[in-house]
Amino acid sequence: MRPQRWLHIIPVSFIMYTIAFIDRTNVSLALRSMMRALHMDPTQAGGAAGVFFWGYMALQIPGGYLAQRWSAKRFVAILLVVWGVCSVGCGLVQTWHQFLVMRFLLGVAEGGVWPAVLVLLSHWFPRGERARANAYWMLCLPIAVIISAPLSGWILGRWNWRVLLIAEGALPFLWLSIWWAFIDDHPREARWISIEERNYLEATLLEESGELDSAKPDGFWRALLKIFLMWWRMLRNPTVLLMVGIYLMSTVGNYGYLFWLPSALGNARKMSNLLVGVLYTIPYMVTAIGMVLISRHSDKRSERRGHVAFGLAWAGACMMACTLLTGHAPTWSFVAISLVGAGSYGMLGPYWAIPTETLPRSVSGSAMGLINALGNLGGYFGPVAVGYVYNRTGDFRYAFGLLSVAYLTGSALTFLLPSRAAAHE
């Protein structure tokens, strides 16, 4: 029988971040309509979609730190309300400059959720389960697209992009009470867990944390004042810098084609919004399978670096195949791009297990926040690069070829990361 934490923590966190990812990415289907309504060219549209990730940086370090020292549950509850307001606001804008501002504020509001939930999972799942726990939670990334894309396409065809953004932007308010009722920060606070499971988790997690950090924690306010000094120290840490570079390359690729794939599909053939939405789900169905398989194999082998490198190399090869096949073999080109996410998202489970296994526990939450903050800037540069190249050439193949190079670069950088044994030394 699967322990209770798998059926309690993962589903609630999963649905919460599914809603966040829907609110972040639903503009991908609306982008063509918004370009006409708000008078944006492709470069401006890519910048407006991607500026989210500049705002996303603001709460990454404080978010991981507050989740570790204060409460992931309370912090995420506050952010649910704030990002709901911002997401609805995106549907009320009248100019592309207003849209730019609202996307930036939405990024600020969502910025602390990712490191906070990673910290929460590290409080509930020991090292041998962590890649699977991370991956099962991160399945929300492809599942959000699978669930929302056909619905978003239908709403877009039936009404318009404003109704789409406002309706989906209201979802966080509906989930707030569920999050508050079901989530606890630590096993010792949960009434629903068995005594045996609670004792096992407390003992195991305490032992694992002792291997990496035996220092006495600071008081909350004093610890908060150390954030900027810690940020500077982490920026000089070769492991953290490498992880930033790897994650930056992966997000350049992931968000570059996530925001522009519906437009590329619509340009290739005249399709309804609903059909584009349905086709858009197929790559993310394959992605979900890849995330489960790679994370399970990573935990089974107790190996992280090789799985991350393989996932990104797979993504780069499939994206390059897509660009080479487009034009004379469109069906096979779509098959190739449908396989990209299995690697580029599949590597996330083992990737996010690396900081908690190689860095001291006192800084791992902040390190994950920093990595996520800087690495997610690829979510800005990827869409902007695709929009710029498409605007100059009128052909998505050259733009997607750049995304392939980004994936392959990330794969090569992975081999420079230290092993777990070297980190402990």
Protein backbone atom coordinates (compact mmCIF):
# COMPACT_ATOMS: atom_id res chain seq x y z
CA MET A 1 0.00 0.00 0.00
CA ARG A 2 1.39 3.41 -0.97
CA PRO A 3 2.14 5.66 2.04
CA GLN A 4 -0.48 8.31 2.78
CA ARG A 5 1.77 11.23 1.86
CA TRP A 6 1.72 10.21 -1.82
CA LEU A 7 -2.08 10.43 -1.89
CA HIS A 8 -2.32 13.60 0.19
CA ILE A 9 0.55 15.99 -0.53
CA ILE A 10 1.18 15.26 -4.22
CA PRO A 11 -2.41 15.59 -5.60
CA VAL A 12 -3.16 18.88 -3.83
CA SER A 13 0.20 20.40 -4.84
CA PHE A 14 -0.26 18.99 -8.33
CA ILE A 15 -3.62 20.67 -8.94
CA MET A 16 -2.46 23.93 -7.36
CA TYR A 17 0.49 24.25 -9.74
CA THR A 18 -1.56 22.97 -12.67
CA ILE A 19 -3.72 26.06 -12.20
CA ALA A 20 -0.59 28.23 -12.00
CA PHE A 21 0.80 26.78 -15.22
CA ILE A 22 -2.55 27.24 -17.00
CA ASP A 23 -2.59 30.91 -16.01
CA ARG A 24 1.02 31.28 -17.13
CA THR A 25 0.70 29.61 -20.53
CA ASN A 26 -2.87 30.14 -21.74
CA VAL A 27 -1.65 33.15 -23.73
CA SER A 28 0.07 30.70 -26.10
CA LEU A 29 -3.28 29.85 -27.71
CA ALA A 30 -4.54 33.43 -27.45
CA LEU A 31 -1.38 35.00 -28.87
CA ARG A 32 -2.51 35.23 -32.50
CA SER A 33 -5.78 36.93 -31.50
CA MET A 34 -4.02 39.23 -29.03
CA MET A 35 -1.46 40.29 -31.62
CA ARG A 36 -4.28 41.60 -33.80
CA ALA A 37 -6.29 43.15 -30.95
CA LEU A 38 -3.36 44.83 -29.19
CA HIS A 39 -1.39 45.63 -32.38
CA MET A 40 1.74 43.59 -31.53
CA ASP A 41 4.33 42.30 -33.99
CA PRO A 42 5.86 38.83 -33.31
CA THR A 43 8.87 40.24 -31.45
CA GLN A 44 6.63 42.33 -29.16
CA ALA A 45 4.31 39.37 -28.61
CA GLY A 46 7.22 37.11 -27.64
CA GLY A 47 8.52 39.79 -25.26
CA ALA A 48 5.11 40.35 -23.66
CA ALA A 49 4.60 36.62 -23.14
CA GLY A 50 8.12 36.13 -21.81
CA VAL A 51 8.38 39.22 -19.55
CA PHE A 52 6.57 37.06 -16.98
CA PHE A 53 9.95 35.54 -16.16
CA TRP A 54 11.59 38.85 -15.25
CA GLY A 55 8.91 39.33 -12.62
CA TYR A 56 9.30 35.67 -11.69
CA MET A 57 12.76 36.41 -10.27
CA ALA A 58 11.55 38.70 -7.49
CA LEU A 59 10.34 36.10 -4.97
CA GLN A 60 12.61 33.19 -5.85
CA ILE A 61 15.21 33.70 -3.13
CA PRO A 62 12.78 35.00 -0.48
CA GLY A 63 10.30 32.30 -1.48
CA GLY A 64 12.65 29.39 -0.87
CA TYR A 65 13.95 30.99 2.31
CA LEU A 66 10.50 31.75 3.75
CA ALA A 67 9.27 28.26 2.90
CA GLN A 68 12.23 26.73 4.72
CA ARG A 69 12.22 29.05 7.76
CA TRP A 70 8.54 30.04 8.03
CA SER A 71 5.82 28.08 6.20
CA ALA A 72 5.40 26.82 2.64
CA LYS A 73 1.68 26.33 3.28
CA ARG A 74 1.01 29.93 4.34
CA PHE A 75 3.28 31.46 1.72
CA VAL A 76 1.63 29.60 -1.17
CA ALA A 77 -1.85 30.45 0.16
CA ILE A 78 -1.03 34.17 -0.05
CA LEU A 79 0.37 33.76 -3.56
CA LEU A 80 -2.76 31.92 -4.76
CA VAL A 81 -4.80 35.06 -4.11
CA VAL A 82 -2.29 37.50 -5.60
CA TRP A 83 -1.65 35.60 -8.84
CA GLY A 84 -5.41 35.12 -9.33
CA VAL A 85 -5.88 38.89 -9.27
CA CYS A 86 -3.03 39.43 -11.73
CA SER A 87 -4.19 36.68 -14.07
CA VAL A 88 -7.69 38.11 -14.30
CA GLY A 89 -6.08 41.52 -14.90
CA CYS A 90 -4.37 40.15 -18.03
CA GLY A 91 -7.82 39.72 -19.57
CA LEU A 92 -8.79 43.33 -18.88
CA VAL A 93 -5.90 45.13 -20.62
CA GLN A 94 -6.50 47.56 -23.48
CA THR A 95 -2.97 48.01 -24.89
CA TRP A 96 0.06 45.78 -25.30
CA HIS A 97 1.97 47.96 -22.84
CA GLN A 98 -0.68 47.20 -20.19
CA PHE A 99 -0.42 43.52 -21.07
CA LEU A 100 3.36 43.74 -20.63
CA VAL A 101 2.90 45.18 -17.13
CA MET A 102 0.28 42.61 -16.08
CA ARG A 103 2.39 39.70 -17.31
CA PHE A 104 5.32 41.05 -15.30
CA LEU A 105 3.17 41.32 -12.14
CA LEU A 106 1.79 37.82 -12.71
CA GLY A 107 5.39 36.58 -12.79
CA VAL A 108 6.10 38.31 -9.47
CA ALA A 109 3.03 36.71 -7.90
CA GLU A 110 3.84 33.19 -9.11
CA GLY A 111 7.57 33.48 -8.46
CA GLY A 112 7.66 32.07 -4.94
CA VAL A 113 5.45 29.03 -5.56
CA TRP A 114 8.00 26.77 -7.27
CA PRO A 115 10.80 26.91 -4.63
CA ALA A 116 8.22 26.80 -1.82
CA VAL A 117 6.71 23.54 -3.09
CA LEU A 118 10.14 21.98 -3.69
CA VAL A 119 10.97 22.75 -0.06
CA LEU A 120 7.60 21.31 1.02
CA LEU A 121 8.29 18.05 -0.85
CA SER A 122 11.74 17.80 0.73
CA HIS A 123 9.97 17.83 4.13
CA TRP A 124 7.77 14.88 3.16
CA PHE A 125 9.84 12.62 0.88
CA PRO A 126 13.27 11.12 1.75
CA ARG A 127 16.13 11.13 -0.74
CA GLY A 128 15.27 7.77 -2.29
CA GLU A 129 11.77 9.02 -3.22
CA ARG A 130 12.53 12.62 -4.06
CA ALA A 131 13.03 12.44 -7.83
CA ARG A 132 9.72 10.58 -8.18
CA ALA A 133 7.95 13.01 -5.85
CA ASN A 134 9.35 15.98 -7.79
CA ALA A 135 8.41 14.39 -11.11
CA TYR A 136 4.89 13.39 -10.06
CA TRP A 137 4.28 16.95 -8.90
CA MET A 138 5.90 18.40 -12.03
CA LEU A 139 3.60 16.28 -14.18
CA CYS A 140 1.33 19.27 -13.70
CA LEU A 141 3.38 21.05 -16.40
CA PRO A 142 2.31 18.85 -19.32
CA ILE A 143 -1.03 17.91 -17.74
CA ALA A 144 -1.96 21.60 -17.47
CA VAL A 145 -1.57 21.92 -21.24
CA ILE A 146 -3.39 18.63 -21.92
CA ILE A 147 -6.36 19.72 -19.81
CA SER A 148 -6.51 23.38 -20.73
CA ALA A 149 -5.57 23.49 -24.43
CA PRO A 150 -8.79 21.97 -25.88
CA LEU A 151 -10.91 23.95 -23.38
CA SER A 152 -8.99 27.15 -24.13
CA GLY A 153 -9.36 26.56 -27.86
CA TRP A 154 -13.11 26.09 -27.44
CA ILE A 155 -13.48 29.23 -25.29
CA LEU A 156 -11.38 31.19 -27.78
CA GLY A 157 -13.55 30.04 -30.68
CA ARG A 158 -16.85 30.48 -28.80
CA TRP A 159 -16.06 33.86 -27.18
CA ASN A 160 -12.67 35.61 -27.23
CA TRP A 161 -9.27 35.85 -25.57
CA ARG A 162 -10.56 38.15 -22.82
CA VAL A 163 -13.11 35.59 -21.62
CA LEU A 164 -10.40 32.92 -21.78
CA LEU A 165 -7.92 34.80 -19.56
CA ILE A 166 -10.52 36.00 -17.05
CA ALA A 167 -12.26 32.62 -16.65
CA GLU A 168 -9.04 30.66 -16.17
CA GLY A 169 -7.56 33.44 -14.04
CA ALA A 170 -10.31 32.93 -11.44
CA LEU A 171 -9.32 29.29 -10.76
CA PRO A 172 -6.80 30.03 -7.91
CA PHE A 173 -9.58 31.46 -5.75
CA LEU A 174 -11.48 28.16 -6.02
CA TRP A 175 -8.48 26.07 -4.92
CA LEU A 176 -7.38 28.20 -1.96
CA SER A 177 -9.62 26.49 0.63
CA ILE A 178 -8.54 23.01 -0.52
CA TRP A 179 -4.87 23.93 -0.21
CA TRP A 180 -5.37 25.33 3.28
CA ALA A 181 -7.33 22.32 4.53
CA PHE A 182 -5.12 19.54 3.16
CA ILE A 183 -1.50 20.76 3.29
CA ASP A 184 0.82 20.65 6.32
CA ASP A 185 4.41 21.85 6.39
CA HIS A 186 5.86 18.86 8.27
CA PRO A 187 4.79 15.28 9.16
CA ARG A 188 4.70 16.22 12.86
CA GLU A 189 1.90 18.73 12.13
CA ALA A 190 -0.34 16.34 10.17
CA ARG A 191 -3.25 14.61 11.88
CA TRP A 192 -4.07 12.40 8.91
CA ILE A 193 -0.75 10.51 8.84
CA SER A 194 -0.16 7.26 10.75
CA ILE A 195 2.18 7.25 13.74
CA GLU A 196 4.47 4.71 12.04
CA GLU A 197 4.81 6.79 8.88
CA ARG A 198 5.36 9.99 10.89
CA ASN A 199 8.13 8.44 12.98
CA TYR A 200 9.81 6.93 9.92
CA LEU A 201 9.80 10.27 8.07
CA GLU A 202 11.06 12.32 11.00
CA ALA A 203 13.93 9.92 11.69
CA THR A 204 14.94 9.48 8.04
CA LEU A 205 14.80 13.16 7.12
CA LEU A 206 16.70 14.15 10.26
CA GLU A 207 19.46 11.67 9.44
CA GLU A 208 19.72 12.83 5.82
CA SER A 209 19.81 16.50 6.78
CA GLY A 210 22.58 15.78 9.28
CA GLU A 211 24.79 14.46 6.47
CA LEU A 212 24.75 17.86 4.78
CA ASP A 213 24.27 20.43 7.53
CA SER A 214 24.82 20.30 11.27
CA ALA A 215 24.74 24.06 11.92
CA LYS A 216 22.20 25.59 14.29
CA PRO A 217 19.62 27.64 12.35
CA ASP A 218 19.41 31.41 12.82
CA GLY A 219 16.36 33.25 14.05
CA PHE A 220 13.86 34.17 11.35
CA TRP A 221 14.61 37.89 11.00
CA ARG A 222 18.35 37.48 11.23
CA ALA A 223 18.17 34.72 8.63
CA LEU A 224 16.11 36.93 6.35
CA LEU A 225 18.76 39.65 6.51
CA LYS A 226 21.32 37.15 5.23
CA ILE A 227 19.49 36.58 1.95
CA PHE A 228 21.56 38.98 -0.13
CA LEU A 229 24.86 37.79 1.27
CA MET A 230 23.81 34.20 0.64
CA TRP A 231 22.80 35.13 -2.92
CA TRP A 232 26.26 36.56 -3.57
CA ARG A 233 27.96 33.47 -2.13
CA MET A 234 25.80 31.15 -4.22
CA LEU A 235 26.58 33.09 -7.38
CA ARG A 236 30.26 32.22 -6.76
CA ASN A 237 29.45 28.53 -6.24
CA PRO A 238 30.40 26.60 -9.41
CA THR A 239 27.69 23.98 -8.86
CA VAL A 240 24.94 26.60 -8.56
CA LEU A 241 26.21 28.48 -11.62
CA LEU A 242 26.28 25.30 -13.67
CA MET A 243 22.75 24.43 -12.59
CA VAL A 244 21.61 27.92 -13.59
CA GLY A 245 23.18 27.47 -17.02
CA ILE A 246 21.62 24.04 -17.55
CA TYR A 247 18.19 25.19 -16.48
CA LEU A 248 18.47 28.36 -18.60
CA MET A 249 19.12 26.27 -21.72
CA SER A 250 16.20 23.96 -20.96
CA THR A 251 13.74 26.83 -20.41
CA VAL A 252 14.88 28.63 -23.57
CA GLY A 253 13.81 25.51 -25.46
CA ASN A 254 10.71 24.63 -23.45
CA TYR A 255 9.09 28.05 -23.44
CA GLY A 256 10.30 28.95 -26.90
CA TYR A 257 8.18 26.24 -28.44
CA LEU A 258 5.45 26.22 -25.78
CA PHE A 259 4.41 29.82 -26.54
CA TRP A 260 4.86 29.58 -30.31
CA LEU A 261 3.86 26.02 -31.23
CA PRO A 262 0.11 26.87 -31.58
CA SER A 263 0.99 29.76 -33.91
CA ALA A 264 3.32 27.52 -35.91
CA LEU A 265 0.57 24.90 -36.23
CA GLY A 266 -1.97 27.53 -37.25
CA ASN A 267 0.38 28.98 -39.87
CA ALA A 268 1.22 25.58 -41.36
CA ARG A 269 -2.43 24.84 -42.11
CA LYS A 270 -5.69 26.70 -41.67
CA MET A 271 -7.21 25.17 -38.53
CA SER A 272 -9.90 26.09 -36.04
CA ASN A 273 -8.84 27.18 -32.56
CA LEU A 274 -10.31 23.97 -31.14
CA LEU A 275 -8.30 21.75 -33.53
CA VAL A 276 -5.09 23.66 -32.76
CA GLY A 277 -5.81 23.15 -29.05
CA VAL A 278 -6.32 19.41 -29.51
CA LEU A 279 -3.13 18.97 -31.55
CA TYR A 280 -1.25 21.07 -28.99
CA THR A 281 -2.02 18.49 -26.28
CA ILE A 282 -0.31 15.58 -28.06
CA PRO A 283 3.32 16.58 -27.33
CA TYR A 284 2.42 17.04 -23.67
CA MET A 285 0.81 13.60 -23.40
CA VAL A 286 4.14 12.14 -24.51
CA THR A 287 5.90 14.52 -22.11
CA ALA A 288 3.97 13.12 -19.12
CA ILE A 289 5.10 9.58 -19.97
CA GLY A 290 8.72 10.67 -20.27
CA MET A 291 8.64 12.43 -16.91
CA VAL A 292 7.46 9.29 -15.11
CA LEU A 293 9.88 6.92 -16.86
CA ILE A 294 13.01 9.04 -16.45
CA SER A 295 12.35 9.91 -12.80
CA ARG A 296 11.60 6.29 -11.85
CA HIS A 297 14.76 5.09 -13.56
CA SER A 298 16.77 7.87 -11.86
CA ASP A 299 15.57 6.81 -8.40
CA LYS A 300 16.14 3.14 -9.22
CA ARG A 301 19.74 3.82 -10.24
CA SER A 302 20.29 6.56 -7.62
CA GLU A 303 21.81 8.63 -10.44
CA ARG A 304 20.93 12.19 -11.50
CA ARG A 305 23.48 13.75 -13.86
CA GLY A 306 23.28 11.15 -16.61
CA HIS A 307 19.48 11.25 -16.64
CA VAL A 308 19.48 15.04 -16.96
CA ALA A 309 22.04 14.94 -19.78
CA PHE A 310 20.15 12.23 -21.64
CA GLY A 311 16.83 14.09 -21.38
CA LEU A 312 18.23 17.31 -22.83
CA ALA A 313 20.18 15.52 -25.58
CA TRP A 314 16.98 13.65 -26.56
CA ALA A 315 15.08 16.97 -26.72
CA GLY A 316 17.77 18.62 -28.84
CA ALA A 317 17.92 15.74 -31.31
CA CYS A 318 14.12 15.59 -31.69
CA MET A 319 13.85 19.35 -32.16
CA MET A 320 16.55 19.28 -34.84
CA ALA A 321 14.74 16.42 -36.57
CA CYS A 322 11.56 18.52 -36.52
CA THR A 323 13.24 21.44 -38.26
CA LEU A 324 14.84 19.21 -40.90
CA LEU A 325 11.61 17.34 -41.69
CA THR A 326 9.33 20.40 -41.84
CA GLY A 327 8.31 21.21 -45.39
CA HIS A 328 8.71 17.81 -47.04
CA ALA A 329 7.49 15.48 -44.27
CA PRO A 330 5.12 17.51 -42.02
CA THR A 331 3.62 14.45 -40.31
CA TRP A 332 7.01 13.13 -39.24
CA SER A 333 8.01 16.66 -38.23
CA PHE A 334 5.05 16.80 -35.86
CA VAL A 335 5.98 13.35 -34.50
CA ALA A 336 9.50 14.61 -33.80
CA ILE A 337 8.38 17.72 -31.96
CA SER A 338 5.88 15.62 -29.99
CA LEU A 339 8.84 13.68 -28.54
CA VAL A 340 10.83 16.76 -27.43
CA GLY A 341 9.13 17.26 -24.06
CA ALA A 342 9.62 13.65 -22.97
CA GLY A 343 13.29 14.53 -22.55
CA SER A 344 13.27 18.26 -21.75
CA TYR A 345 10.60 17.91 -19.05
CA GLY A 346 11.51 14.33 -18.18
CA MET A 347 14.85 15.47 -16.79
CA LEU A 348 13.19 17.81 -14.25
CA GLY A 349 12.61 15.17 -11.56
CA PRO A 350 16.27 14.14 -11.24
CA TYR A 351 17.44 17.70 -11.91
CA TRP A 352 15.60 19.16 -8.91
CA ALA A 353 16.79 16.32 -6.69
CA ILE A 354 20.39 17.48 -7.21
CA PRO A 355 20.34 20.64 -4.99
CA THR A 356 18.76 18.84 -2.02
CA GLU A 357 21.33 16.04 -2.30
CA THR A 358 24.50 18.08 -2.90
CA LEU A 359 23.98 21.36 -1.01
CA PRO A 360 23.58 21.97 2.76
CA ARG A 361 19.95 21.95 3.84
CA SER A 362 20.26 25.45 5.31
CA VAL A 363 20.88 26.90 1.82
CA SER A 364 19.23 24.37 -0.50
CA GLY A 365 15.87 26.17 -0.48
CA SER A 366 17.46 29.51 -1.36
CA ALA A 367 19.73 27.84 -3.93
CA MET A 368 16.72 26.29 -5.67
CA GLY A 369 15.08 29.71 -5.66
CA LEU A 370 18.14 31.32 -7.24
CA ILE A 371 18.50 28.57 -9.85
CA ASN A 372 14.82 28.78 -10.71
CA ALA A 373 14.90 32.59 -10.85
CA LEU A 374 17.88 32.97 -13.16
CA GLY A 375 17.25 29.79 -15.12
CA ASN A 376 13.67 30.75 -15.88
CA LEU A 377 14.87 33.86 -17.70
CA GLY A 378 15.10 31.40 -20.59
CA GLY A 379 11.31 31.71 -20.57
CA TYR A 380 11.84 35.29 -21.73
CA PHE A 381 14.73 34.80 -24.15
CA GLY A 382 13.23 31.70 -25.83
CA PRO A 383 9.92 33.29 -26.93
CA VAL A 384 11.65 36.57 -27.86
CA ALA A 385 14.25 34.72 -29.97
CA VAL A 386 11.57 32.70 -31.77
CA GLY A 387 9.47 35.83 -32.38
CA TYR A 388 12.46 37.80 -33.63
CA VAL A 389 13.72 35.12 -36.02
CA TYR A 390 10.20 34.46 -37.31
CA ASN A 391 9.64 38.19 -37.78
CA ARG A 392 12.87 38.45 -39.82
CA THR A 393 12.55 35.24 -41.86
CA GLY A 394 8.85 34.35 -41.88
CA ASP A 395 9.85 30.73 -41.12
CA PHE A 396 9.62 28.95 -37.76
CA ARG A 397 12.22 26.33 -38.79
CA TYR A 398 15.21 28.60 -38.18
CA ALA A 399 13.83 29.69 -34.81
CA PHE A 400 13.20 26.12 -33.64
CA GLY A 401 16.69 25.17 -34.81
CA LEU A 402 18.07 27.65 -32.24
CA LEU A 403 16.03 25.90 -29.56
CA SER A 404 17.66 22.59 -30.52
CA VAL A 405 21.12 24.12 -29.96
CA ALA A 406 20.02 25.36 -26.52
CA TYR A 407 18.96 21.85 -25.45
CA LEU A 408 22.20 20.28 -26.63
CA THR A 409 24.27 22.95 -24.85
CA GLY A 410 22.42 22.20 -21.59
CA SER A 411 23.11 18.50 -22.01
CA ALA A 412 26.86 19.13 -22.41
CA LEU A 413 26.99 21.37 -19.32
CA THR A 414 25.44 18.64 -17.16
CA PHE A 415 28.58 16.53 -17.28
CA LEU A 416 30.47 19.28 -15.44
CA LEU A 417 28.31 18.92 -12.31
CA PRO A 418 29.94 17.21 -9.29
CA SER A 419 28.73 13.79 -8.20
CA ARG A 420 26.86 13.32 -4.92
CA ALA A 421 29.93 11.74 -3.33
CA ALA A 422 32.15 14.66 -4.35
CA ALA A 423 29.61 17.15 -2.95
CA HIS A 424 29.58 15.39 0.42
CA GLU A 425 33.37 15.48 0.56
